[in-house]
Amino acid sequence: MDGVLKAGQRVRVTVRNSVAGYQPGDKGTVLRASVSAATGERNYTVAMDKDGPDATGVLFMEWEIEADV
């Protein structure tokens, strides 16, 4: 991923995804971003379309999603 994603931005899962139950191309909306204090890696909580409106979000590492442009 080349840029920092922002809350509200649409994203899709990449082929590098390792989160069970999600396939490349699945789409969602970024809820929030954070950075691991231990590793410095950025991660994102994403509301995935297929999970419905009651889902709390899925945590993806920055290389597992990309902007859906």
C-alpha atoms as a PDB file:
ATOM      1  CA  MET A   1       0.000   0.000   0.000  1.00  0.00           C
ATOM      2  CA  ASP A   2       1.424   3.351  -1.011  1.00  0.00           C
ATOM      3  CA  GLY A   3      -0.496   5.770   1.195  1.00  0.00           C
ATOM      4  CA  VAL A   4      -2.108   6.033   4.559  1.00  0.00           C
ATOM      5  CA  LEU A   5      -5.795   5.145   4.505  1.00  0.00           C
ATOM      6  CA  LYS A   6      -8.293   7.304   6.369  1.00  0.00           C
ATOM      7  CA  ALA A   7     -11.520   6.604   8.227  1.00  0.00           C
ATOM      8  CA  GLY A   8     -14.401   6.422   5.771  1.00  0.00           C
ATOM      9  CA  GLN A   9     -12.224   5.367   2.845  1.00  0.00           C
ATOM     10  CA  ARG A  10     -13.311   2.362   0.781  1.00  0.00           C
ATOM     11  CA  VAL A  11     -10.824  -0.522   0.593  1.00  0.00           C
ATOM     12  CA  ARG A  12     -10.510  -4.014  -0.822  1.00  0.00           C
ATOM     13  CA  VAL A  13      -8.631  -7.082   0.384  1.00  0.00           C
ATOM     14  CA  THR A  14      -5.397  -7.916  -1.474  1.00  0.00           C
ATOM     15  CA  VAL A  15      -3.913 -11.287  -2.399  1.00  0.00           C
ATOM     16  CA  ARG A  16      -1.505 -10.912   0.549  1.00  0.00           C
ATOM     17  CA  ASN A  17      -4.381 -11.199   3.045  1.00  0.00           C
ATOM     18  CA  SER A  18      -4.041 -13.748   5.853  1.00  0.00           C
ATOM     19  CA  VAL A  19      -7.327 -13.044   7.687  1.00  0.00           C
ATOM     20  CA  ALA A  20      -9.513 -16.162   7.522  1.00  0.00           C
ATOM     21  CA  GLY A  21     -12.885 -15.751   5.840  1.00  0.00           C
ATOM     22  CA  TYR A  22     -11.891 -12.867   3.557  1.00  0.00           C
ATOM     23  CA  GLN A  23     -10.874 -13.219  -0.073  1.00  0.00           C
ATOM     24  CA  PRO A  24      -9.019 -10.890  -2.437  1.00  0.00           C
ATOM     25  CA  GLY A  25     -11.477  -8.315  -3.746  1.00  0.00           C
ATOM     26  CA  ASP A  26     -13.774  -8.324  -0.686  1.00  0.00           C
ATOM     27  CA  LYS A  27     -14.620  -4.706   0.122  1.00  0.00           C
ATOM     28  CA  GLY A  28     -15.192  -2.606   3.191  1.00  0.00           C
ATOM     29  CA  THR A  29     -14.838   0.810   4.809  1.00  0.00           C
ATOM     30  CA  VAL A  30     -11.990   1.888   7.092  1.00  0.00           C
ATOM     31  CA  LEU A  31     -13.217   2.629  10.619  1.00  0.00           C
ATOM     32  CA  ARG A  32      -9.892   3.606  12.159  1.00  0.00           C
ATOM     33  CA  ALA A  33      -6.129   3.299  11.749  1.00  0.00           C
ATOM     34  CA  SER A  34      -3.488   2.613  14.374  1.00  0.00           C
ATOM     35  CA  VAL A  35       0.220   1.928  14.638  1.00  0.00           C
ATOM     36  CA  SER A  36       1.722  -0.841  16.741  1.00  0.00           C
ATOM     37  CA  ALA A  37       3.943   0.617  19.457  1.00  0.00           C
ATOM     38  CA  ALA A  38       6.044  -2.551  19.430  1.00  0.00           C
ATOM     39  CA  THR A  39       6.640  -2.941  15.685  1.00  0.00           C
ATOM     40  CA  GLY A  40       5.696   0.392  14.135  1.00  0.00           C
ATOM     41  CA  GLU A  41       3.438  -1.404  11.660  1.00  0.00           C
ATOM     42  CA  ARG A  42       0.202   0.291  10.627  1.00  0.00           C
ATOM     43  CA  ASN A  43      -3.065  -1.619  10.843  1.00  0.00           C
ATOM     44  CA  TYR A  44      -6.687  -0.822  10.098  1.00  0.00           C
ATOM     45  CA  THR A  45     -10.047  -1.771  11.526  1.00  0.00           C
ATOM     46  CA  VAL A  46     -12.407  -2.250   8.586  1.00  0.00           C
ATOM     47  CA  ALA A  47     -16.185  -2.720   8.459  1.00  0.00           C
ATOM     48  CA  MET A  48     -16.482  -5.381   5.777  1.00  0.00           C
ATOM     49  CA  ASP A  49     -19.512  -5.232   3.474  1.00  0.00           C
ATOM     50  CA  LYS A  50     -20.225  -8.949   3.715  1.00  0.00           C
ATOM     51  CA  ASP A  51     -20.360  -8.860   7.537  1.00  0.00           C
ATOM     52  CA  GLY A  52     -23.456  -6.672   7.714  1.00  0.00           C
ATOM     53  CA  PRO A  53     -24.215  -3.559   9.761  1.00  0.00           C
ATOM     54  CA  ASP A  54     -23.893  -5.145  13.220  1.00  0.00           C
ATOM     55  CA  ALA A  55     -20.263  -6.251  12.788  1.00  0.00           C
ATOM     56  CA  THR A  56     -17.604  -4.503  14.868  1.00  0.00           C
ATOM     57  CA  GLY A  57     -14.861  -4.568  12.233  1.00  0.00           C
ATOM     58  CA  VAL A  58     -11.904  -6.691  11.184  1.00  0.00           C
ATOM     59  CA  LEU A  59      -8.257  -5.887  11.889  1.00  0.00           C
ATOM     60  CA  PHE A  60      -6.054  -5.913   8.776  1.00  0.00           C
ATOM     61  CA  MET A  61      -2.353  -5.160   8.468  1.00  0.00           C
ATOM     62  CA  GLU A  62      -1.518  -2.423   5.963  1.00  0.00           C
ATOM     63  CA  TRP A  63      -0.356  -4.858   3.262  1.00  0.00           C
ATOM     64  CA  GLU A  64      -3.601  -6.875   3.449  1.00  0.00           C
ATOM     65  CA  ILE A  65      -5.816  -4.096   2.063  1.00  0.00           C
ATOM     66  CA  GLU A  66      -5.606  -1.340  -0.530  1.00  0.00           C
ATOM     67  CA  ALA A  67      -7.672   1.658  -1.566  1.00  0.00           C
ATOM     68  CA  ASP A  68     -10.626   0.720  -3.754  1.00  0.00           C
ATOM     69  CA  VAL A  69     -10.263   3.228  -6.569  1.00  0.00           C
END
